[in-house]
PDB file of N, CA and C in Angstrom:
ATOM      1  N   MET A   1     -11.948 -26.298  49.923  1.00  0.00           N
ATOM      2  CA  MET A   1     -12.574 -24.954  49.934  1.00  0.00           C
ATOM      3  C   MET A   1     -11.412 -23.976  50.740  1.00  0.00           C
ATOM      4  N   ALA A   2     -11.390 -23.024  50.159  1.00  0.00           N
ATOM      5  CA  ALA A   2     -10.982 -21.936  49.509  1.00  0.00           C
ATOM      6  C   ALA A   2     -11.594 -20.786  51.056  1.00  0.00           C
ATOM      7  N   VAL A   3     -10.501 -19.922  51.954  1.00  0.00           N
ATOM      8  CA  VAL A   3     -10.386 -19.349  52.800  1.00  0.00           C
ATOM      9  C   VAL A   3     -10.002 -18.170  52.341  1.00  0.00           C
ATOM     10  N   LYS A   4     -11.941 -17.058  52.933  1.00  0.00           N
ATOM     11  CA  LYS A   4     -11.357 -16.004  52.228  1.00  0.00           C
ATOM     12  C   LYS A   4     -10.810 -15.195  53.029  1.00  0.00           C
ATOM     13  N   LYS A   5     -10.209 -14.386  52.190  1.00  0.00           N
ATOM     14  CA  LYS A   5      -9.387 -12.931  52.880  1.00  0.00           C
ATOM     15  C   LYS A   5     -10.297 -12.068  53.180  1.00  0.00           C
ATOM     16  N   VAL A   6      -9.979 -11.332  54.512  1.00  0.00           N
ATOM     17  CA  VAL A   6     -11.100  -9.904  54.594  1.00  0.00           C
ATOM     18  C   VAL A   6      -9.873  -9.368  54.077  1.00  0.00           C
ATOM     19  N   MET A   7     -10.182  -8.067  53.457  1.00  0.00           N
ATOM     20  CA  MET A   7      -9.543  -7.227  52.851  1.00  0.00           C
ATOM     21  C   MET A   7      -9.739  -5.760  54.561  1.00  0.00           C
ATOM     22  N   TYR A   8      -8.938  -5.321  55.061  1.00  0.00           N
ATOM     23  CA  TYR A   8      -9.393  -4.197  55.451  1.00  0.00           C
ATOM     24  C   TYR A   8      -9.031  -3.039  54.905  1.00  0.00           C
ATOM     25  N   GLY A   9      -9.772  -1.703  54.748  1.00  0.00           N
ATOM     26  CA  GLY A   9      -9.497  -0.279  54.190  1.00  0.00           C
ATOM     27  C   GLY A   9      -8.541   0.609  55.184  1.00  0.00           C
ATOM     28  N   MET A  10      -8.617   1.461  54.789  1.00  0.00           N
ATOM     29  CA  MET A  10      -8.396   2.630  56.167  1.00  0.00           C
ATOM     30  C   MET A  10      -8.876   3.245  56.875  1.00  0.00           C
ATOM     31  N   ASN A  11     -10.737   3.521  55.648  1.00  0.00           N
ATOM     32  CA  ASN A  11     -11.256   4.067  56.213  1.00  0.00           C
ATOM     33  C   ASN A  11     -12.325   3.074  57.463  1.00  0.00           C
ATOM     34  N   ASP A  12     -11.527   2.193  57.248  1.00  0.00           N
ATOM     35  CA  ASP A  12     -11.750   0.604  57.896  1.00  0.00           C
ATOM     36  C   ASP A  12     -11.650   1.137  59.570  1.00  0.00           C
ATOM     37  N   VAL A  13      -9.946   1.281  59.963  1.00  0.00           N
ATOM     38  CA  VAL A  13      -9.987   1.670  61.732  1.00  0.00           C
ATOM     39  C   VAL A  13     -11.100   2.748  61.667  1.00  0.00           C
ATOM     40  N   PRO A  14     -11.683   2.147  63.523  1.00  0.00           N
ATOM     41  CA  PRO A  14     -12.586   2.092  64.417  1.00  0.00           C
ATOM     42  C   PRO A  14     -11.758   2.935  64.935  1.00  0.00           C
ATOM     43  N   GLU A  15     -13.029   4.413  65.762  1.00  0.00           N
ATOM     44  CA  GLU A  15     -12.367   5.426  66.293  1.00  0.00           C
ATOM     45  C   GLU A  15     -12.280   4.477  67.381  1.00  0.00           C
ATOM     46  N   GLY A  16     -11.876   5.690  68.345  1.00  0.00           N
ATOM     47  CA  GLY A  16     -10.867   4.717  69.718  1.00  0.00           C
ATOM     48  C   GLY A  16      -9.279   3.773  69.591  1.00  0.00           C
ATOM     49  N   THR A  17      -8.892   3.442  68.851  1.00  0.00           N
ATOM     50  CA  THR A  17      -6.829   2.646  68.485  1.00  0.00           C
ATOM     51  C   THR A  17      -6.803   4.074  68.631  1.00  0.00           C
ATOM     52  N   LYS A  18      -5.511   3.190  68.999  1.00  0.00           N
ATOM     53  CA  LYS A  18      -4.204   4.381  69.703  1.00  0.00           C
ATOM     54  C   LYS A  18      -3.305   4.103  68.299  1.00  0.00           C
ATOM     55  N   ILE A  19      -3.050   5.122  68.139  1.00  0.00           N
ATOM     56  CA  ILE A  19      -2.148   5.365  66.441  1.00  0.00           C
ATOM     57  C   ILE A  19      -0.678   5.846  67.409  1.00  0.00           C
ATOM     58  N   LYS A  20       0.803   5.667  66.140  1.00  0.00           N
ATOM     59  CA  LYS A  20       1.714   6.518  66.817  1.00  0.00           C
ATOM     60  C   LYS A  20       1.795   7.659  65.540  1.00  0.00           C
ATOM     61  N   ILE A  21       2.798   9.144  66.108  1.00  0.00           N
ATOM     62  CA  ILE A  21       2.347   9.573  65.367  1.00  0.00           C
ATOM     63  C   ILE A  21       4.307   9.005  64.896  1.00  0.00           C
ATOM     64  N   LYS A  22       5.136   9.309  64.014  1.00  0.00           N
ATOM     65  CA  LYS A  22       5.758   9.009  63.190  1.00  0.00           C
ATOM     66  C   LYS A  22       7.226  10.088  63.640  1.00  0.00           C
ATOM     67  N   LYS A  23       6.895  11.680  63.761  1.00  0.00           N
ATOM     68  CA  LYS A  23       7.717  12.246  64.151  1.00  0.00           C
ATOM     69  C   LYS A  23       8.331  12.271  65.844  1.00  0.00           C
ATOM     70  N   THR A  24       6.968  11.991  66.025  1.00  0.00           N
ATOM     71  CA  THR A  24       7.453  12.632  67.425  1.00  0.00           C
ATOM     72  C   THR A  24       7.680  11.780  68.695  1.00  0.00           C
ATOM     73  N   GLU A  25       7.059  10.001  67.976  1.00  0.00           N
ATOM     74  CA  GLU A  25       6.787   9.112  69.350  1.00  0.00           C
ATOM     75  C   GLU A  25       5.815   9.585  69.715  1.00  0.00           C
ATOM     76  N   GLN A  26       4.682  10.304  69.589  1.00  0.00           N
ATOM     77  CA  GLN A  26       3.903  10.431  70.581  1.00  0.00           C
ATOM     78  C   GLN A  26       2.958   9.194  70.451  1.00  0.00           C
ATOM     79  N   GLU A  27       1.479   9.029  71.450  1.00  0.00           N
ATOM     80  CA  GLU A  27       0.814   7.703  71.203  1.00  0.00           C
ATOM     81  C   GLU A  27      -0.883   8.696  71.216  1.00  0.00           C
ATOM     82  N   VAL A  28      -1.130   8.904  70.691  1.00  0.00           N
ATOM     83  CA  VAL A  28      -2.885   9.411  70.590  1.00  0.00           C
ATOM     84  C   VAL A  28      -3.340   8.889  70.509  1.00  0.00           C
ATOM     85  N   THR A  29      -5.037   8.884  70.520  1.00  0.00           N
ATOM     86  CA  THR A  29      -5.711   7.912  70.554  1.00  0.00           C
ATOM     87  C   THR A  29      -7.237   9.194  69.121  1.00  0.00           C
ATOM     88  N   ILE A  30      -7.694   8.105  68.592  1.00  0.00           N
ATOM     89  CA  ILE A  30      -8.332   8.211  66.431  1.00  0.00           C
ATOM     90  C   ILE A  30      -9.784   8.437  67.770  1.00  0.00           C
ATOM     91  N   ILE A  31      -9.863  10.431  67.406  1.00  0.00           N
ATOM     92  CA  ILE A  31     -11.686  10.223  67.871  1.00  0.00           C
ATOM     93  C   ILE A  31     -12.107  10.571  66.119  1.00  0.00           C
ATOM     94  N   GLU A  32     -12.213  10.533  65.626  1.00  0.00           N
ATOM     95  CA  GLU A  32     -13.155  10.459  64.017  1.00  0.00           C
ATOM     96  C   GLU A  32     -12.320  10.294  63.220  1.00  0.00           C
ATOM     97  N   VAL A  33     -12.379   9.833  62.106  1.00  0.00           N
ATOM     98  CA  VAL A  33     -12.377   9.571  60.717  1.00  0.00           C
ATOM     99  C   VAL A  33     -12.343   9.447  60.043  1.00  0.00           C
ATOM    100  N   LEU A  34     -11.846  10.938  59.262  1.00  0.00           N
ATOM    101  CA  LEU A  34     -12.553  11.707  58.608  1.00  0.00           C
ATOM    102  C   LEU A  34     -11.935  10.699  56.894  1.00  0.00           C
ATOM    103  N   HIS A  35     -12.574  11.864  55.396  1.00  0.00           N
ATOM    104  CA  HIS A  35     -12.609  10.645  54.672  1.00  0.00           C
ATOM    105  C   HIS A  35     -12.058  11.441  53.413  1.00  0.00           C
ATOM    106  N   PHE A  36     -12.143  11.162  52.175  1.00  0.00           N
ATOM    107  CA  PHE A  36     -11.122  11.212  50.897  1.00  0.00           C
ATOM    108  C   PHE A  36     -10.435  12.496  50.915  1.00  0.00           C
ATOM    109  N   PRO A  37      -9.028  12.622  51.430  1.00  0.00           N
ATOM    110  CA  PRO A  37      -8.409  11.590  52.034  1.00  0.00           C
ATOM    111  C   PRO A  37      -8.214  10.964  53.136  1.00  0.00           C
ATOM    112  N   THR A  38      -7.424  10.367  53.600  1.00  0.00           N
ATOM    113  CA  THR A  38      -8.383   9.660  54.837  1.00  0.00           C
ATOM    114  C   THR A  38      -7.539  10.829  55.433  1.00  0.00           C
ATOM    115  N   ARG A  39      -7.787  10.889  56.684  1.00  0.00           N
ATOM    116  CA  ARG A  39      -7.029  11.879  57.689  1.00  0.00           C
ATOM    117  C   ARG A  39      -7.402  10.995  59.282  1.00  0.00           C
ATOM    118  N   PHE A  40      -7.183  11.022  59.669  1.00  0.00           N
ATOM    119  CA  PHE A  40      -7.323  10.770  61.329  1.00  0.00           C
ATOM    120  C   PHE A  40      -7.394  11.549  62.296  1.00  0.00           C
ATOM    121  N   LYS A  41      -8.435  12.675  62.538  1.00  0.00           N
ATOM    122  CA  LYS A  41      -8.427  12.800  64.351  1.00  0.00           C
ATOM    123  C   LYS A  41      -8.717  13.072  65.434  1.00  0.00           C
ATOM    124  N   CYS A  42      -7.675  13.380  65.816  1.00  0.00           N
ATOM    125  CA  CYS A  42      -6.885  12.505  67.808  1.00  0.00           C
ATOM    126  C   CYS A  42      -6.960  13.542  68.687  1.00  0.00           C
ATOM    127  N   ASP A  43      -6.921  12.961  69.886  1.00  0.00           N
ATOM    128  CA  ASP A  43      -7.421  13.199  71.356  1.00  0.00           C
ATOM    129  C   ASP A  43      -6.296  13.987  71.715  1.00  0.00           C
ATOM    130  N   ASP A  44      -5.230  14.442  70.605  1.00  0.00           N
ATOM    131  CA  ASP A  44      -4.332  16.038  70.801  1.00  0.00           C
ATOM    132  C   ASP A  44      -5.189  16.964  70.201  1.00  0.00           C
ATOM    133  N   ASN A  45      -6.418  17.172  69.300  1.00  0.00           N
ATOM    134  CA  ASN A  45      -6.307  18.102  68.857  1.00  0.00           C
ATOM    135  C   ASN A  45      -5.682  18.935  67.214  1.00  0.00           C
ATOM    136  N   ASN A  46      -5.084  17.447  66.830  1.00  0.00           N
ATOM    137  CA  ASN A  46      -4.556  17.088  65.647  1.00  0.00           C
ATOM    138  C   ASN A  46      -5.114  16.830  64.783  1.00  0.00           C
ATOM    139  N   ILE A  47      -5.210  16.677  63.263  1.00  0.00           N
ATOM    140  CA  ILE A  47      -5.192  15.174  62.414  1.00  0.00           C
ATOM    141  C   ILE A  47      -3.828  15.417  61.403  1.00  0.00           C
ATOM    142  N   TYR A  48      -4.051  13.936  61.290  1.00  0.00           N
ATOM    143  CA  TYR A  48      -3.057  13.077  60.732  1.00  0.00           C
ATOM    144  C   TYR A  48      -3.206  12.618  59.376  1.00  0.00           C
ATOM    145  N   TYR A  49      -2.405  13.022  58.375  1.00  0.00           N
ATOM    146  CA  TYR A  49      -2.505  11.217  56.588  1.00  0.00           C
ATOM    147  C   TYR A  49      -2.394  10.454  57.590  1.00  0.00           C
ATOM    148  N   THR A  50      -2.441   9.683  56.339  1.00  0.00           N
ATOM    149  CA  THR A  50      -2.214   7.798  56.998  1.00  0.00           C
ATOM    150  C   THR A  50      -0.730   8.250  56.653  1.00  0.00           C
ATOM    151  N   SER A  51       0.383   8.631  56.497  1.00  0.00           N
ATOM    152  CA  SER A  51       1.596   8.443  56.023  1.00  0.00           C
ATOM    153  C   SER A  51       2.616   9.127  56.966  1.00  0.00           C
ATOM    154  N   GLN A  52       1.419   9.554  58.409  1.00  0.00           N
ATOM    155  CA  GLN A  52       2.381  10.753  59.117  1.00  0.00           C
ATOM    156  C   GLN A  52       2.002   9.594  60.588  1.00  0.00           C
ATOM    157  N   ILE A  53       0.900   8.437  60.038  1.00  0.00           N
ATOM    158  CA  ILE A  53       1.598   7.581  62.110  1.00  0.00           C
ATOM    159  C   ILE A  53       1.654   6.152  61.260  1.00  0.00           C
ATOM    160  N   THR A  54       1.874   5.640  62.405  1.00  0.00           N
ATOM    161  CA  THR A  54       1.718   3.883  62.706  1.00  0.00           C
ATOM    162  C   THR A  54       0.349   3.144  63.994  1.00  0.00           C
ATOM    163  N   ILE A  55      -0.143   3.329  62.856  1.00  0.00           N
ATOM    164  CA  ILE A  55      -1.639   2.393  63.676  1.00  0.00           C
ATOM    165  C   ILE A  55      -1.223   1.118  64.348  1.00  0.00           C
ATOM    166  N   GLN A  56      -1.485   1.346  66.114  1.00  0.00           N
ATOM    167  CA  GLN A  56      -1.439  -0.072  65.929  1.00  0.00           C
ATOM    168  C   GLN A  56      -2.568  -1.149  66.412  1.00  0.00           C
ATOM    169  N   ASP A  57      -2.077  -2.037  66.381  1.00  0.00           N
ATOM    170  CA  ASP A  57      -3.202  -3.731  67.075  1.00  0.00           C
ATOM    171  C   ASP A  57      -3.748  -3.358  64.797  1.00  0.00           C
ATOM    172  N   TRP A  58      -3.298  -3.263  64.296  1.00  0.00           N
ATOM    173  CA  TRP A  58      -4.573  -2.833  62.917  1.00  0.00           C
ATOM    174  C   TRP A  58      -3.265  -3.807  61.812  1.00  0.00           C
ATOM    175  N   PRO A  59      -4.320  -4.777  60.861  1.00  0.00           N
ATOM    176  CA  PRO A  59      -5.653  -5.065  61.243  1.00  0.00           C
ATOM    177  C   PRO A  59      -5.535  -6.212  62.578  1.00  0.00           C
ATOM    178  N   PRO A  60      -7.171  -6.076  62.641  1.00  0.00           N
ATOM    179  CA  PRO A  60      -6.966  -7.345  63.149  1.00  0.00           C
ATOM    180  C   PRO A  60      -6.753  -8.712  63.081  1.00  0.00           C
ATOM    181  N   GLU A  61      -6.790  -9.539  63.819  1.00  0.00           N
ATOM    182  CA  GLU A  61      -5.680 -10.822  64.297  1.00  0.00           C
ATOM    183  C   GLU A  61      -7.165 -11.797  63.433  1.00  0.00           C
ATOM    184  N   GLU A  62      -6.926 -13.130  62.391  1.00  0.00           N
ATOM    185  CA  GLU A  62      -8.453 -13.593  62.347  1.00  0.00           C
ATOM    186  C   GLU A  62      -8.938 -14.386  63.346  1.00  0.00           C
TER     187      GLU A  62
END
């Protein structure tokens, strides 16, 4: 029996997830996910593209 692998997209990242800004190494929290293109509004009142951040503890371990 084959095991089904769950594929997560960037739009699946939950609000409240911690991210690190690549340029400044600052750690912030996502407060809203904006769609197409995927961007993240954070608690520092900035919006970041996926290429500007590193998402911590994502995707979840199975």
